[in-house]
Amino acid sequence: MLAGAQQLEIPTNRYGQFSTTFTFNGSGGTTTAVAVKYVRQGNLVTLFFPPIAGTTGTGSTLLTANTNIPDTWARPSTYNISAPVSRIRDNGAGDTAVGEVVITTAGTLIFNRRPTASLAWTNASSGGVDGAFSCSYIVD
């Protein structure tokens, strides 16, 4: 090595997967179990989501995972992270507007039909995420 040169640190890759159900926060909502996969390369974490479908129940504004990301190395450490989701499903079809997924520092995954959870899903309809997607974020 040359004098004064810095040594290049090669990041360790980490992989994970967990199964969870998602629950609509309205009365009577249901979903099926899905497997969420994730990988960390250096400080970049990428989550891979399959389609998520269920019955919205009544008055649902959130779709929340019942299991947190199990590995703390894949969770945001300081702030909650939010990412756009272009494939939100409402009333049995793909929604034309962008939704949001929030990843909390506790590893909870929360989907909003619109950012800031201000728009409810259609009551007693098929809702969730219309297709597979991924999102990435930086961790400390």
Protein backbone atom coordinates (compact mmCIF):
# COMPACT_ATOMS: atom_id res chain seq x y z
CA MET A 1 0.00 0.00 0.00
CA LEU A 2 1.22 3.49 -0.79
CA ALA A 3 2.20 5.72 2.10
CA GLY A 4 -0.72 7.90 3.15
CA ALA A 5 -3.27 5.91 1.09
CA GLN A 6 -6.54 4.99 2.76
CA GLN A 7 -7.60 1.40 2.84
CA LEU A 8 -10.86 0.70 1.02
CA GLU A 9 -13.44 -0.87 3.30
CA ILE A 10 -15.69 -3.36 1.54
CA PRO A 11 -19.14 -3.42 3.17
CA THR A 12 -20.63 -6.65 4.43
CA ASN A 13 -23.89 -7.59 2.77
CA ARG A 14 -26.70 -8.80 5.01
CA TYR A 15 -29.91 -10.47 3.93
CA GLY A 16 -33.23 -11.13 5.62
CA GLN A 17 -36.80 -12.18 5.09
CA PHE A 18 -39.84 -12.35 7.31
CA SER A 19 -43.47 -13.29 6.91
CA THR A 20 -46.18 -10.99 8.16
CA THR A 21 -49.80 -10.18 7.75
CA PHE A 22 -50.97 -6.62 7.30
CA THR A 23 -54.09 -5.27 9.01
CA PHE A 24 -56.32 -2.40 7.91
CA ASN A 25 -57.03 -0.12 10.87
CA GLY A 26 -60.75 0.05 10.13
CA SER A 27 -63.36 -2.33 11.53
CA GLY A 28 -63.32 -5.81 9.97
CA GLY A 29 -60.26 -5.55 7.69
CA THR A 30 -58.34 -8.68 6.59
CA THR A 31 -55.23 -9.56 4.58
CA THR A 32 -53.15 -12.60 3.71
CA ALA A 33 -49.62 -13.39 4.87
CA VAL A 34 -46.77 -12.20 2.67
CA ALA A 35 -42.98 -12.53 2.76
CA VAL A 36 -41.02 -9.26 2.85
CA LYS A 37 -37.37 -9.59 1.78
CA TYR A 38 -34.59 -7.12 2.51
CA VAL A 39 -30.89 -6.64 1.96
CA ARG A 40 -28.34 -4.23 3.41
CA GLN A 41 -25.29 -3.27 1.37
CA GLY A 42 -23.10 -0.92 3.36
CA ASN A 43 -25.57 1.69 4.71
CA LEU A 44 -28.20 1.12 2.00
CA VAL A 45 -31.20 -1.05 2.89
CA THR A 46 -33.63 -2.20 0.20
CA LEU A 47 -37.00 -3.75 1.03
CA PHE A 48 -38.78 -5.96 -1.52
CA PHE A 49 -42.57 -6.19 -1.21
CA PRO A 50 -44.91 -8.60 -3.00
CA PRO A 51 -48.48 -7.55 -3.79
CA ILE A 52 -50.54 -7.18 -0.59
CA ALA A 53 -54.30 -7.64 -0.82
CA GLY A 54 -57.11 -7.74 1.67
CA THR A 55 -60.53 -6.45 2.53
CA THR A 56 -60.39 -2.89 3.81
CA GLY A 57 -63.17 -3.10 6.39
CA THR A 58 -64.81 0.22 7.35
CA GLY A 59 -62.99 3.52 7.81
CA SER A 60 -59.45 2.26 7.09
CA THR A 61 -56.74 4.86 6.56
CA LEU A 62 -53.69 2.68 7.36
CA LEU A 63 -52.47 -0.79 6.41
CA THR A 64 -49.95 -1.90 9.05
CA ALA A 65 -47.67 -4.95 9.27
CA ASN A 66 -48.32 -7.16 12.29
CA THR A 67 -44.63 -8.11 12.47
CA ASN A 68 -41.78 -5.58 12.59
CA ILE A 69 -38.58 -5.95 10.58
CA PRO A 70 -36.79 -8.42 12.87
CA ASP A 71 -33.20 -7.30 12.24
CA THR A 72 -32.28 -3.99 13.87
CA TRP A 73 -29.53 -3.46 11.25
CA ALA A 74 -32.30 -3.03 8.63
CA ARG A 75 -34.32 -0.47 10.60
CA PRO A 76 -33.90 3.31 10.37
CA SER A 77 -32.00 4.32 13.50
CA THR A 78 -32.87 7.98 13.98
CA TYR A 79 -35.95 8.97 11.95
CA ASN A 80 -38.91 7.23 10.35
CA ILE A 81 -38.46 6.83 6.61
CA SER A 82 -41.21 7.29 4.03
CA ALA A 83 -41.19 6.28 0.39
CA PRO A 84 -43.70 6.67 -2.44
CA VAL A 85 -45.74 3.67 -3.57
CA SER A 86 -47.10 3.97 -7.10
CA ARG A 87 -49.07 0.72 -6.99
CA ILE A 88 -51.73 1.28 -4.31
CA ARG A 89 -54.89 -0.83 -4.73
CA ASP A 90 -58.34 0.48 -3.80
CA ASN A 91 -61.85 -0.70 -4.55
CA GLY A 92 -60.53 -3.75 -6.42
CA ALA A 93 -58.28 -1.87 -8.86
CA GLY A 94 -55.01 0.01 -9.11
CA ASP A 95 -55.24 3.57 -7.79
CA THR A 96 -54.02 6.31 -10.11
CA ALA A 97 -52.38 8.43 -7.39
CA VAL A 98 -49.26 7.74 -5.35
CA GLY A 99 -49.46 6.26 -1.85
CA GLU A 100 -46.78 5.96 0.80
CA VAL A 101 -44.99 3.37 2.90
CA VAL A 102 -43.50 4.43 6.25
CA ILE A 103 -40.71 2.43 7.89
CA THR A 104 -40.47 3.35 11.56
CA THR A 105 -37.40 3.17 13.79
CA ALA A 106 -39.08 0.18 15.50
CA GLY A 107 -39.24 -1.59 12.11
CA THR A 108 -43.01 -1.21 11.66
CA LEU A 109 -44.24 -1.00 8.05
CA ILE A 110 -47.25 1.25 7.46
CA PHE A 111 -48.98 1.89 4.12
CA ASN A 112 -51.05 5.02 3.50
CA ARG A 113 -53.36 5.36 0.52
CA ARG A 114 -52.00 8.91 0.25
CA PRO A 115 -49.09 10.53 2.05
CA THR A 116 -50.05 11.64 5.57
CA ALA A 117 -52.84 9.02 5.78
CA SER A 118 -55.52 11.59 4.99
CA LEU A 119 -57.52 9.51 2.50
CA ALA A 120 -59.41 6.37 3.53
CA TRP A 121 -59.66 3.24 1.43
CA THR A 122 -63.10 2.47 0.02
CA ASN A 123 -65.15 0.63 2.67
CA ALA A 124 -65.43 -3.17 2.40
CA SER A 125 -63.45 -3.39 -0.83
CA SER A 126 -60.25 -5.04 -2.04
CA GLY A 127 -57.32 -2.82 -1.10
CA GLY A 128 -53.59 -2.89 -0.44
CA VAL A 129 -50.60 -2.82 -2.80
CA ASP A 130 -51.42 -3.71 -6.41
CA GLY A 131 -48.04 -5.05 -7.48
CA ALA A 132 -44.56 -5.94 -6.27
CA PHE A 133 -42.22 -3.02 -5.59
CA SER A 134 -39.06 -2.11 -3.69
CA CYS A 135 -37.84 0.90 -1.75
CA SER A 136 -34.40 1.84 -0.46
CA TYR A 137 -33.14 4.04 2.34
CA ILE A 138 -29.94 4.91 4.16
CA VAL A 139 -29.28 3.79 7.75
CA ASP A 140 -26.60 4.99 10.17
